[in-house]
PDB file of N, CA and C in Angstrom:
ATOM      1  N   UNK A   1      14.826 -31.695  -7.227  1.00  0.00           N
ATOM      2  CA  UNK A   1      13.396 -31.480  -7.220  1.00  0.00           C
ATOM      3  C   UNK A   1      12.802 -32.021  -5.928  1.00  0.00           C
ATOM      4  N   UNK A   2      11.626 -31.588  -5.641  1.00  0.00           N
ATOM      5  CA  UNK A   2      10.953 -32.100  -4.454  1.00  0.00           C
ATOM      6  C   UNK A   2       9.510 -32.429  -4.800  1.00  0.00           C
ATOM      7  N   UNK A   3       8.932 -33.302  -4.017  1.00  0.00           N
ATOM      8  CA  UNK A   3       7.557 -33.721  -4.236  1.00  0.00           C
ATOM      9  C   UNK A   3       6.819 -33.660  -2.909  1.00  0.00           C
ATOM     10  N   UNK A   4       5.672 -33.004  -2.877  1.00  0.00           N
ATOM     11  CA  UNK A   4       4.915 -32.858  -1.630  1.00  0.00           C
ATOM     12  C   UNK A   4       3.769 -33.854  -1.594  1.00  0.00           C
ATOM     13  N   UNK A   5       3.532 -34.394  -0.415  1.00  0.00           N
ATOM     14  CA  UNK A   5       2.351 -35.221  -0.193  1.00  0.00           C
ATOM     15  C   UNK A   5       1.398 -34.402   0.656  1.00  0.00           C
ATOM     16  N   UNK A   6       0.184 -34.306   0.222  1.00  0.00           N
ATOM     17  CA  UNK A   6      -0.773 -33.472   0.943  1.00  0.00           C
ATOM     18  C   UNK A   6      -1.562 -34.310   1.930  1.00  0.00           C
ATOM     19  N   UNK A   7      -1.923 -33.662   3.015  1.00  0.00           N
ATOM     20  CA  UNK A   7      -2.741 -34.318   4.025  1.00  0.00           C
ATOM     21  C   UNK A   7      -3.781 -33.352   4.528  1.00  0.00           C
ATOM     22  N   UNK A   8      -4.935 -33.865   4.899  1.00  0.00           N
ATOM     23  CA  UNK A   8      -6.024 -33.015   5.370  1.00  0.00           C
ATOM     24  C   UNK A   8      -6.116 -33.013   6.889  1.00  0.00           C
ATOM     25  N   UNK A   9      -5.065 -33.472   7.569  1.00  0.00           N
ATOM     26  CA  UNK A   9      -5.116 -33.583   9.029  1.00  0.00           C
ATOM     27  C   UNK A   9      -4.522 -32.376   9.738  1.00  0.00           C
ATOM     28  N   UNK A  10      -4.220 -31.312   9.009  1.00  0.00           N
ATOM     29  CA  UNK A  10      -3.679 -30.114   9.623  1.00  0.00           C
ATOM     30  C   UNK A  10      -2.176 -30.159   9.815  1.00  0.00           C
ATOM     31  N   UNK A  11      -1.549 -31.276   9.527  1.00  0.00           N
ATOM     32  CA  UNK A  11      -0.099 -31.400   9.658  1.00  0.00           C
ATOM     33  C   UNK A  11       0.579 -30.789   8.435  1.00  0.00           C
ATOM     34  N   UNK A  12       1.842 -30.404   8.622  1.00  0.00           N
ATOM     35  CA  UNK A  12       2.623 -29.928   7.490  1.00  0.00           C
ATOM     36  C   UNK A  12       2.755 -31.045   6.468  1.00  0.00           C
ATOM     37  N   UNK A  13       2.785 -30.647   5.204  1.00  0.00           N
ATOM     38  CA  UNK A  13       2.985 -31.620   4.144  1.00  0.00           C
ATOM     39  C   UNK A  13       4.403 -32.172   4.223  1.00  0.00           C
ATOM     40  N   UNK A  14       4.558 -33.418   3.884  1.00  0.00           N
ATOM     41  CA  UNK A  14       5.863 -34.050   3.818  1.00  0.00           C
ATOM     42  C   UNK A  14       6.397 -33.836   2.406  1.00  0.00           C
ATOM     43  N   UNK A  15       7.629 -33.354   2.324  1.00  0.00           N
ATOM     44  CA  UNK A  15       8.247 -33.067   1.043  1.00  0.00           C
ATOM     45  C   UNK A  15       9.506 -33.912   0.915  1.00  0.00           C
ATOM     46  N   UNK A  16       9.675 -34.528  -0.237  1.00  0.00           N
ATOM     47  CA  UNK A  16      10.883 -35.283  -0.511  1.00  0.00           C
ATOM     48  C   UNK A  16      11.893 -34.352  -1.157  1.00  0.00           C
ATOM     49  N   UNK A  17      13.096 -34.330  -0.596  1.00  0.00           N
ATOM     50  CA  UNK A  17      14.154 -33.472  -1.112  1.00  0.00           C
ATOM     51  C   UNK A  17      15.321 -34.362  -1.524  1.00  0.00           C
ATOM     52  N   UNK A  18      15.812 -34.156  -2.727  1.00  0.00           N
ATOM     53  CA  UNK A  18      16.962 -34.916  -3.214  1.00  0.00           C
ATOM     54  C   UNK A  18      18.179 -34.018  -3.262  1.00  0.00           C
ATOM     55  N   UNK A  19      19.318 -34.517  -2.806  1.00  0.00           N
ATOM     56  CA  UNK A  19      20.565 -33.768  -2.908  1.00  0.00           C
ATOM     57  C   UNK A  19      21.707 -34.750  -3.084  1.00  0.00           C
ATOM     58  N   UNK A  20      22.843 -34.231  -3.526  1.00  0.00           N
ATOM     59  CA  UNK A  20      23.988 -35.076  -3.825  1.00  0.00           C
ATOM     60  C   UNK A  20      25.054 -34.933  -2.748  1.00  0.00           C
ATOM     61  N   UNK A  21      25.692 -36.073  -2.422  1.00  0.00           N
ATOM     62  CA  UNK A  21      26.783 -36.131  -1.461  1.00  0.00           C
ATOM     63  C   UNK A  21      27.874 -37.006  -2.041  1.00  0.00           C
ATOM     64  N   UNK A  22      29.064 -36.837  -1.529  1.00  0.00           N
ATOM     65  CA  UNK A  22      30.103 -37.789  -1.902  1.00  0.00           C
ATOM     66  C   UNK A  22      29.826 -39.098  -1.179  1.00  0.00           C
ATOM     67  N   UNK A  23      30.289 -40.178  -1.742  1.00  0.00           N
ATOM     68  CA  UNK A  23      30.058 -41.480  -1.120  1.00  0.00           C
ATOM     69  C   UNK A  23      30.741 -41.562   0.242  1.00  0.00           C
ATOM     70  N   UNK A  24      31.920 -40.948   0.364  1.00  0.00           N
ATOM     71  CA  UNK A  24      32.627 -41.003   1.648  1.00  0.00           C
ATOM     72  C   UNK A  24      31.869 -40.227   2.730  1.00  0.00           C
ATOM     73  N   UNK A  25      31.248 -39.096   2.360  1.00  0.00           N
ATOM     74  CA  UNK A  25      30.472 -38.344   3.343  1.00  0.00           C
ATOM     75  C   UNK A  25      29.219 -39.120   3.737  1.00  0.00           C
ATOM     76  N   UNK A  26      28.590 -39.774   2.782  1.00  0.00           N
ATOM     77  CA  UNK A  26      27.419 -40.594   3.081  1.00  0.00           C
ATOM     78  C   UNK A  26      27.804 -41.738   4.026  1.00  0.00           C
ATOM     79  N   UNK A  27      28.987 -42.309   3.833  1.00  0.00           N
ATOM     80  CA  UNK A  27      29.467 -43.345   4.753  1.00  0.00           C
ATOM     81  C   UNK A  27      29.603 -42.787   6.174  1.00  0.00           C
ATOM     82  N   UNK A  28      30.114 -41.562   6.286  1.00  0.00           N
ATOM     83  CA  UNK A  28      30.233 -40.928   7.611  1.00  0.00           C
ATOM     84  C   UNK A  28      28.871 -40.721   8.243  1.00  0.00           C
ATOM     85  N   UNK A  29      27.909 -40.262   7.434  1.00  0.00           N
ATOM     86  CA  UNK A  29      26.543 -40.060   7.932  1.00  0.00           C
ATOM     87  C   UNK A  29      25.971 -41.386   8.423  1.00  0.00           C
ATOM     88  N   UNK A  30      26.153 -42.444   7.639  1.00  0.00           N
ATOM     89  CA  UNK A  30      25.624 -43.748   8.029  1.00  0.00           C
ATOM     90  C   UNK A  30      26.260 -44.239   9.323  1.00  0.00           C
ATOM     91  N   UNK A  31      27.560 -44.082   9.448  1.00  0.00           N
ATOM     92  CA  UNK A  31      28.225 -44.482  10.692  1.00  0.00           C
ATOM     93  C   UNK A  31      27.684 -43.682  11.878  1.00  0.00           C
ATOM     94  N   UNK A  32      27.404 -42.401  11.651  1.00  0.00           N
ATOM     95  CA  UNK A  32      26.952 -41.526  12.734  1.00  0.00           C
ATOM     96  C   UNK A  32      25.540 -41.873  13.176  1.00  0.00           C
ATOM     97  N   UNK A  33      24.591 -41.965  12.244  1.00  0.00           N
ATOM     98  CA  UNK A  33      23.202 -42.212  12.670  1.00  0.00           C
ATOM     99  C   UNK A  33      23.058 -43.571  13.320  1.00  0.00           C
ATOM    100  N   UNK A  34      23.769 -44.554  12.817  1.00  0.00           N
ATOM    101  CA  UNK A  34      23.673 -45.878  13.417  1.00  0.00           C
ATOM    102  C   UNK A  34      24.296 -45.890  14.811  1.00  0.00           C
ATOM    103  N   UNK A  35      25.409 -45.169  14.955  1.00  0.00           N
ATOM    104  CA  UNK A  35      26.091 -45.122  16.238  1.00  0.00           C
ATOM    105  C   UNK A  35      25.343 -44.328  17.296  1.00  0.00           C
ATOM    106  N   UNK A  36      24.455 -43.439  16.867  1.00  0.00           N
ATOM    107  CA  UNK A  36      23.717 -42.611  17.818  1.00  0.00           C
ATOM    108  C   UNK A  36      22.297 -43.089  18.070  1.00  0.00           C
ATOM    109  N   UNK A  37      21.946 -44.232  17.523  1.00  0.00           N
ATOM    110  CA  UNK A  37      20.665 -44.844  17.846  1.00  0.00           C
ATOM    111  C   UNK A  37      19.466 -44.336  17.075  1.00  0.00           C
ATOM    112  N   UNK A  38      19.666 -43.664  15.963  1.00  0.00           N
ATOM    113  CA  UNK A  38      18.531 -43.244  15.141  1.00  0.00           C
ATOM    114  C   UNK A  38      17.999 -44.456  14.387  1.00  0.00           C
ATOM    115  N   UNK A  39      16.716 -44.425  14.036  1.00  0.00           N
ATOM    116  CA  UNK A  39      16.100 -45.548  13.334  1.00  0.00           C
ATOM    117  C   UNK A  39      16.427 -45.590  11.849  1.00  0.00           C
ATOM    118  N   UNK A  40      16.793 -44.430  11.288  1.00  0.00           N
ATOM    119  CA  UNK A  40      17.081 -44.382   9.850  1.00  0.00           C
ATOM    120  C   UNK A  40      17.956 -43.181   9.531  1.00  0.00           C
ATOM    121  N   UNK A  41      18.535 -43.228   8.367  1.00  0.00           N
ATOM    122  CA  UNK A  41      19.323 -42.109   7.861  1.00  0.00           C
ATOM    123  C   UNK A  41      18.441 -40.864   7.746  1.00  0.00           C
ATOM    124  N   UNK A  42      17.231 -41.024   7.220  1.00  0.00           N
ATOM    125  CA  UNK A  42      16.323 -39.882   7.051  1.00  0.00           C
ATOM    126  C   UNK A  42      15.984 -39.230   8.384  1.00  0.00           C
ATOM    127  N   UNK A  43      15.718 -40.055   9.390  1.00  0.00           N
ATOM    128  CA  UNK A  43      15.402 -39.516  10.717  1.00  0.00           C
ATOM    129  C   UNK A  43      16.579 -38.687  11.242  1.00  0.00           C
ATOM    130  N   UNK A  44      17.788 -39.205  11.084  1.00  0.00           N
ATOM    131  CA  UNK A  44      18.986 -38.487  11.533  1.00  0.00           C
ATOM    132  C   UNK A  44      19.156 -37.171  10.783  1.00  0.00           C
ATOM    133  N   UNK A  45      18.993 -37.190   9.466  1.00  0.00           N
ATOM    134  CA  UNK A  45      19.167 -35.970   8.668  1.00  0.00           C
ATOM    135  C   UNK A  45      18.105 -34.941   9.036  1.00  0.00           C
ATOM    136  N   UNK A  46      16.840 -35.360   9.208  1.00  0.00           N
ATOM    137  CA  UNK A  46      15.787 -34.425   9.624  1.00  0.00           C
ATOM    138  C   UNK A  46      16.123 -33.804  10.980  1.00  0.00           C
ATOM    139  N   UNK A  47      16.531 -34.628  11.932  1.00  0.00           N
ATOM    140  CA  UNK A  47      16.880 -34.143  13.259  1.00  0.00           C
ATOM    141  C   UNK A  47      18.026 -33.130  13.172  1.00  0.00           C
ATOM    142  N   UNK A  48      19.059 -33.469  12.417  1.00  0.00           N
ATOM    143  CA  UNK A  48      20.235 -32.605  12.301  1.00  0.00           C
ATOM    144  C   UNK A  48      19.879 -31.273  11.638  1.00  0.00           C
ATOM    145  N   UNK A  49      19.092 -31.301  10.591  1.00  0.00           N
ATOM    146  CA  UNK A  49      18.686 -30.061   9.918  1.00  0.00           C
ATOM    147  C   UNK A  49      17.795 -29.213  10.821  1.00  0.00           C
ATOM    148  N   UNK A  50      16.852 -29.852  11.512  1.00  0.00           N
ATOM    149  CA  UNK A  50      15.970 -29.114  12.424  1.00  0.00           C
ATOM    150  C   UNK A  50      16.793 -28.449  13.523  1.00  0.00           C
ATOM    151  N   UNK A  51      17.750 -29.179  14.065  1.00  0.00           N
ATOM    152  CA  UNK A  51      18.611 -28.646  15.117  1.00  0.00           C
ATOM    153  C   UNK A  51      19.433 -27.461  14.607  1.00  0.00           C
ATOM    154  N   UNK A  52      19.946 -27.567  13.386  1.00  0.00           N
ATOM    155  CA  UNK A  52      20.750 -26.485  12.818  1.00  0.00           C
ATOM    156  C   UNK A  52      19.914 -25.226  12.592  1.00  0.00           C
ATOM    157  N   UNK A  53      18.659 -25.392  12.224  1.00  0.00           N
ATOM    158  CA  UNK A  53      17.780 -24.242  11.991  1.00  0.00           C
ATOM    159  C   UNK A  53      17.332 -23.624  13.310  1.00  0.00           C
ATOM    160  N   UNK A  54      16.956 -24.461  14.278  1.00  0.00           N
ATOM    161  CA  UNK A  54      16.444 -23.956  15.554  1.00  0.00           C
ATOM    162  C   UNK A  54      17.536 -23.412  16.464  1.00  0.00           C
ATOM    163  N   UNK A  55      18.720 -23.979  16.388  1.00  0.00           N
ATOM    164  CA  UNK A  55      19.807 -23.590  17.283  1.00  0.00           C
ATOM    165  C   UNK A  55      21.100 -23.357  16.512  1.00  0.00           C
ATOM    166  N   UNK A  56      21.095 -22.361  15.632  1.00  0.00           N
ATOM    167  CA  UNK A  56      22.319 -22.127  14.844  1.00  0.00           C
ATOM    168  C   UNK A  56      23.471 -21.731  15.762  1.00  0.00           C
ATOM    169  N   UNK A  57      24.628 -22.270  15.493  1.00  0.00           N
ATOM    170  CA  UNK A  57      25.798 -21.969  16.298  1.00  0.00           C
ATOM    171  C   UNK A  57      26.264 -20.544  16.060  1.00  0.00           C
ATOM    172  N   UNK A  58      26.315 -20.147  14.827  1.00  0.00           N
ATOM    173  CA  UNK A  58      26.695 -18.789  14.469  1.00  0.00           C
ATOM    174  C   UNK A  58      26.332 -18.560  13.017  1.00  0.00           C
ATOM    175  N   UNK A  59      26.331 -17.291  12.621  1.00  0.00           N
ATOM    176  CA  UNK A  59      26.090 -17.013  11.216  1.00  0.00           C
ATOM    177  C   UNK A  59      27.406 -16.568  10.572  1.00  0.00           C
ATOM    178  N   UNK A  60      27.382 -16.298   9.301  1.00  0.00           N
ATOM    179  CA  UNK A  60      28.609 -15.955   8.575  1.00  0.00           C
ATOM    180  C   UNK A  60      29.258 -14.688   9.109  1.00  0.00           C
ATOM    181  N   UNK A  61      28.467 -13.692   9.471  1.00  0.00           N
ATOM    182  CA  UNK A  61      29.036 -12.452  10.008  1.00  0.00           C
ATOM    183  C   UNK A  61      29.775 -12.720  11.313  1.00  0.00           C
ATOM    184  N   UNK A  62      29.179 -13.567  12.164  1.00  0.00           N
ATOM    185  CA  UNK A  62      29.847 -13.903  13.415  1.00  0.00           C
ATOM    186  C   UNK A  62      31.134 -14.689  13.155  1.00  0.00           C
ATOM    187  N   UNK A  63      31.106 -15.568  12.163  1.00  0.00           N
ATOM    188  CA  UNK A  63      32.309 -16.317  11.807  1.00  0.00           C
ATOM    189  C   UNK A  63      33.397 -15.375  11.310  1.00  0.00           C
ATOM    190  N   UNK A  64      33.037 -14.447  10.461  1.00  0.00           N
ATOM    191  CA  UNK A  64      34.021 -13.475   9.961  1.00  0.00           C
ATOM    192  C   UNK A  64      34.622 -12.670  11.116  1.00  0.00           C
ATOM    193  N   UNK A  65      33.783 -12.224  12.045  1.00  0.00           N
ATOM    194  CA  UNK A  65      34.269 -11.457  13.195  1.00  0.00           C
ATOM    195  C   UNK A  65      35.203 -12.312  14.050  1.00  0.00           C
ATOM    196  N   UNK A  66      34.842 -13.573  14.247  1.00  0.00           N
ATOM    197  CA  UNK A  66      35.684 -14.471  15.032  1.00  0.00           C
ATOM    198  C   UNK A  66      37.038 -14.674  14.354  1.00  0.00           C
ATOM    199  N   UNK A  67      37.026 -14.909  13.052  1.00  0.00           N
ATOM    200  CA  UNK A  67      38.283 -15.096  12.327  1.00  0.00           C
ATOM    201  C   UNK A  67      39.139 -13.836  12.356  1.00  0.00           C
ATOM    202  N   UNK A  68      38.502 -12.682  12.236  1.00  0.00           N
ATOM    203  CA  UNK A  68      39.245 -11.416  12.306  1.00  0.00           C
ATOM    204  C   UNK A  68      39.855 -11.244  13.694  1.00  0.00           C
ATOM    205  N   UNK A  69      39.096 -11.591  14.733  1.00  0.00           N
ATOM    206  CA  UNK A  69      39.607 -11.470  16.100  1.00  0.00           C
ATOM    207  C   UNK A  69      40.784 -12.415  16.320  1.00  0.00           C
ATOM    208  N   UNK A  70      40.701 -13.613  15.780  1.00  0.00           N
ATOM    209  CA  UNK A  70      41.823 -14.544  15.901  1.00  0.00           C
ATOM    210  C   UNK A  70      43.059 -13.996  15.201  1.00  0.00           C
ATOM    211  N   UNK A  71      42.851 -13.358  14.053  1.00  0.00           N
ATOM    212  CA  UNK A  71      43.965 -12.729  13.347  1.00  0.00           C
ATOM    213  C   UNK A  71      44.574 -11.607  14.167  1.00  0.00           C
ATOM    214  N   UNK A  72      43.729 -10.821  14.824  1.00  0.00           N
ATOM    215  CA  UNK A  72      44.229  -9.733  15.674  1.00  0.00           C
ATOM    216  C   UNK A  72      45.066 -10.290  16.826  1.00  0.00           C
ATOM    217  N   UNK A  73      44.603 -11.376  17.416  1.00  0.00           N
ATOM    218  CA  UNK A  73      45.358 -11.981  18.520  1.00  0.00           C
ATOM    219  C   UNK A  73      46.705 -12.476  18.016  1.00  0.00           C
ATOM    220  N   UNK A  74      46.683 -13.143  16.871  1.00  0.00           N
ATOM    221  CA  UNK A  74      47.941 -13.620  16.288  1.00  0.00           C
ATOM    222  C   UNK A  74      48.903 -12.473  16.018  1.00  0.00           C
ATOM    223  N   UNK A  75      48.367 -11.355  15.544  1.00  0.00           N
ATOM    224  CA  UNK A  75      49.193 -10.183  15.211  1.00  0.00           C
ATOM    225  C   UNK A  75      49.426  -9.285  16.421  1.00  0.00           C
ATOM    226  N   UNK A  76      48.980  -9.756  17.589  1.00  0.00           N
ATOM    227  CA  UNK A  76      49.120  -9.014  18.847  1.00  0.00           C
ATOM    228  C   UNK A  76      48.475  -7.630  18.770  1.00  0.00           C
ATOM    229  N   UNK A  77      47.329  -7.562  18.106  1.00  0.00           N
ATOM    230  CA  UNK A  77      46.574  -6.311  17.992  1.00  0.00           C
ATOM    231  C   UNK A  77      45.322  -6.418  18.852  1.00  0.00           C
ATOM    232  N   UNK A  78      45.522  -6.571  20.138  1.00  0.00           N
ATOM    233  CA  UNK A  78      44.390  -6.701  21.057  1.00  0.00           C
ATOM    234  C   UNK A  78      44.228  -5.423  21.857  1.00  0.00           C
ATOM    235  N   UNK A  79      43.138  -5.329  22.592  1.00  0.00           N
ATOM    236  CA  UNK A  79      42.904  -4.149  23.420  1.00  0.00           C
ATOM    237  C   UNK A  79      42.670  -4.588  24.854  1.00  0.00           C
ATOM    238  N   UNK A  80      42.870  -3.677  25.755  1.00  0.00           N
ATOM    239  CA  UNK A  80      42.644  -3.982  27.164  1.00  0.00           C
ATOM    240  C   UNK A  80      41.147  -4.037  27.445  1.00  0.00           C
ATOM    241  N   UNK A  81      40.806  -4.576  28.608  1.00  0.00           N
ATOM    242  CA  UNK A  81      39.404  -4.634  29.013  1.00  0.00           C
ATOM    243  C   UNK A  81      38.821  -3.227  29.102  1.00  0.00           C
ATOM    244  N   UNK A  82      39.595  -2.295  29.623  1.00  0.00           N
ATOM    245  CA  UNK A  82      39.130  -0.908  29.733  1.00  0.00           C
ATOM    246  C   UNK A  82      38.851  -0.317  28.353  1.00  0.00           C
ATOM    247  N   UNK A  83      39.755  -0.553  27.399  1.00  0.00           N
ATOM    248  CA  UNK A  83      39.538  -0.057  26.026  1.00  0.00           C
ATOM    249  C   UNK A  83      38.279  -0.673  25.425  1.00  0.00           C
ATOM    250  N   UNK A  84      38.052  -1.941  25.684  1.00  0.00           N
ATOM    251  CA  UNK A  84      36.854  -2.606  25.162  1.00  0.00           C
ATOM    252  C   UNK A  84      35.597  -2.013  25.775  1.00  0.00           C
ATOM    253  N   UNK A  85      35.615  -1.765  27.098  1.00  0.00           N
ATOM    254  CA  UNK A  85      34.448  -1.157  27.752  1.00  0.00           C
ATOM    255  C   UNK A  85      34.151   0.208  27.153  1.00  0.00           C
ATOM    256  N   UNK A  86      35.185   1.007  26.939  1.00  0.00           N
ATOM    257  CA  UNK A  86      34.993   2.334  26.354  1.00  0.00           C
ATOM    258  C   UNK A  86      34.470   2.228  24.915  1.00  0.00           C
ATOM    259  N   UNK A  87      35.051   1.346  24.143  1.00  0.00           N
ATOM    260  CA  UNK A  87      34.657   1.202  22.733  1.00  0.00           C
ATOM    261  C   UNK A  87      33.227   0.727  22.587  1.00  0.00           C
ATOM    262  N   UNK A  88      32.821  -0.244  23.422  1.00  0.00           N
ATOM    263  CA  UNK A  88      31.506  -0.832  23.266  1.00  0.00           C
ATOM    264  C   UNK A  88      30.480  -0.321  24.259  1.00  0.00           C
ATOM    265  N   UNK A  89      30.901   0.635  25.104  1.00  0.00           N
ATOM    266  CA  UNK A  89      29.949   1.252  26.005  1.00  0.00           C
ATOM    267  C   UNK A  89      29.402   0.329  27.069  1.00  0.00           C
ATOM    268  N   UNK A  90      30.241  -0.540  27.593  1.00  0.00           N
ATOM    269  CA  UNK A  90      29.805  -1.458  28.646  1.00  0.00           C
ATOM    270  C   UNK A  90      30.539  -1.146  29.937  1.00  0.00           C
ATOM    271  N   UNK A  91      30.117  -1.790  31.007  1.00  0.00           N
ATOM    272  CA  UNK A  91      30.784  -1.585  32.289  1.00  0.00           C
ATOM    273  C   UNK A  91      30.907  -2.932  32.989  1.00  0.00           C
ATOM    274  N   UNK A  92      31.632  -2.945  34.102  1.00  0.00           N
ATOM    275  CA  UNK A  92      31.813  -4.182  34.875  1.00  0.00           C
ATOM    276  C   UNK A  92      30.549  -4.572  35.622  1.00  0.00           C
ATOM    277  N   UNK A  93      29.625  -3.687  35.804  1.00  0.00           N
ATOM    278  CA  UNK A  93      28.441  -3.927  36.627  1.00  0.00           C
ATOM    279  C   UNK A  93      27.390  -4.718  35.911  1.00  0.00           C
TER     280      UNK A  93
END
C-alpha cells in the first residue's frame, strides 16, 4: 500500500511505498548506499529508481534481440556487413 502526503506548494505529493526484499539483498543495498556517499537508504533507492526510469539501459524486446543475436553468434549463424546493409537498408555513408 502507499500513502500520499498532500502539499499546497505546487510540488509533487510524497508517497510512501512499501515492498519486500530478502535480507541479503537489503544488506547489499545498505553496503552500496553507504559506500557511495548517500545520506540514507531512501535517498539511494529514489535516485536509483529515477535513474532507471529516465535512462533505461534497454527494454525486454531489446534484451530478447540481444540474447537471440548471441545465440546466432554461438551457432555461427551470422551475416556479413554487406548482407546486414542490404537487409536493413543502410549504407556505409
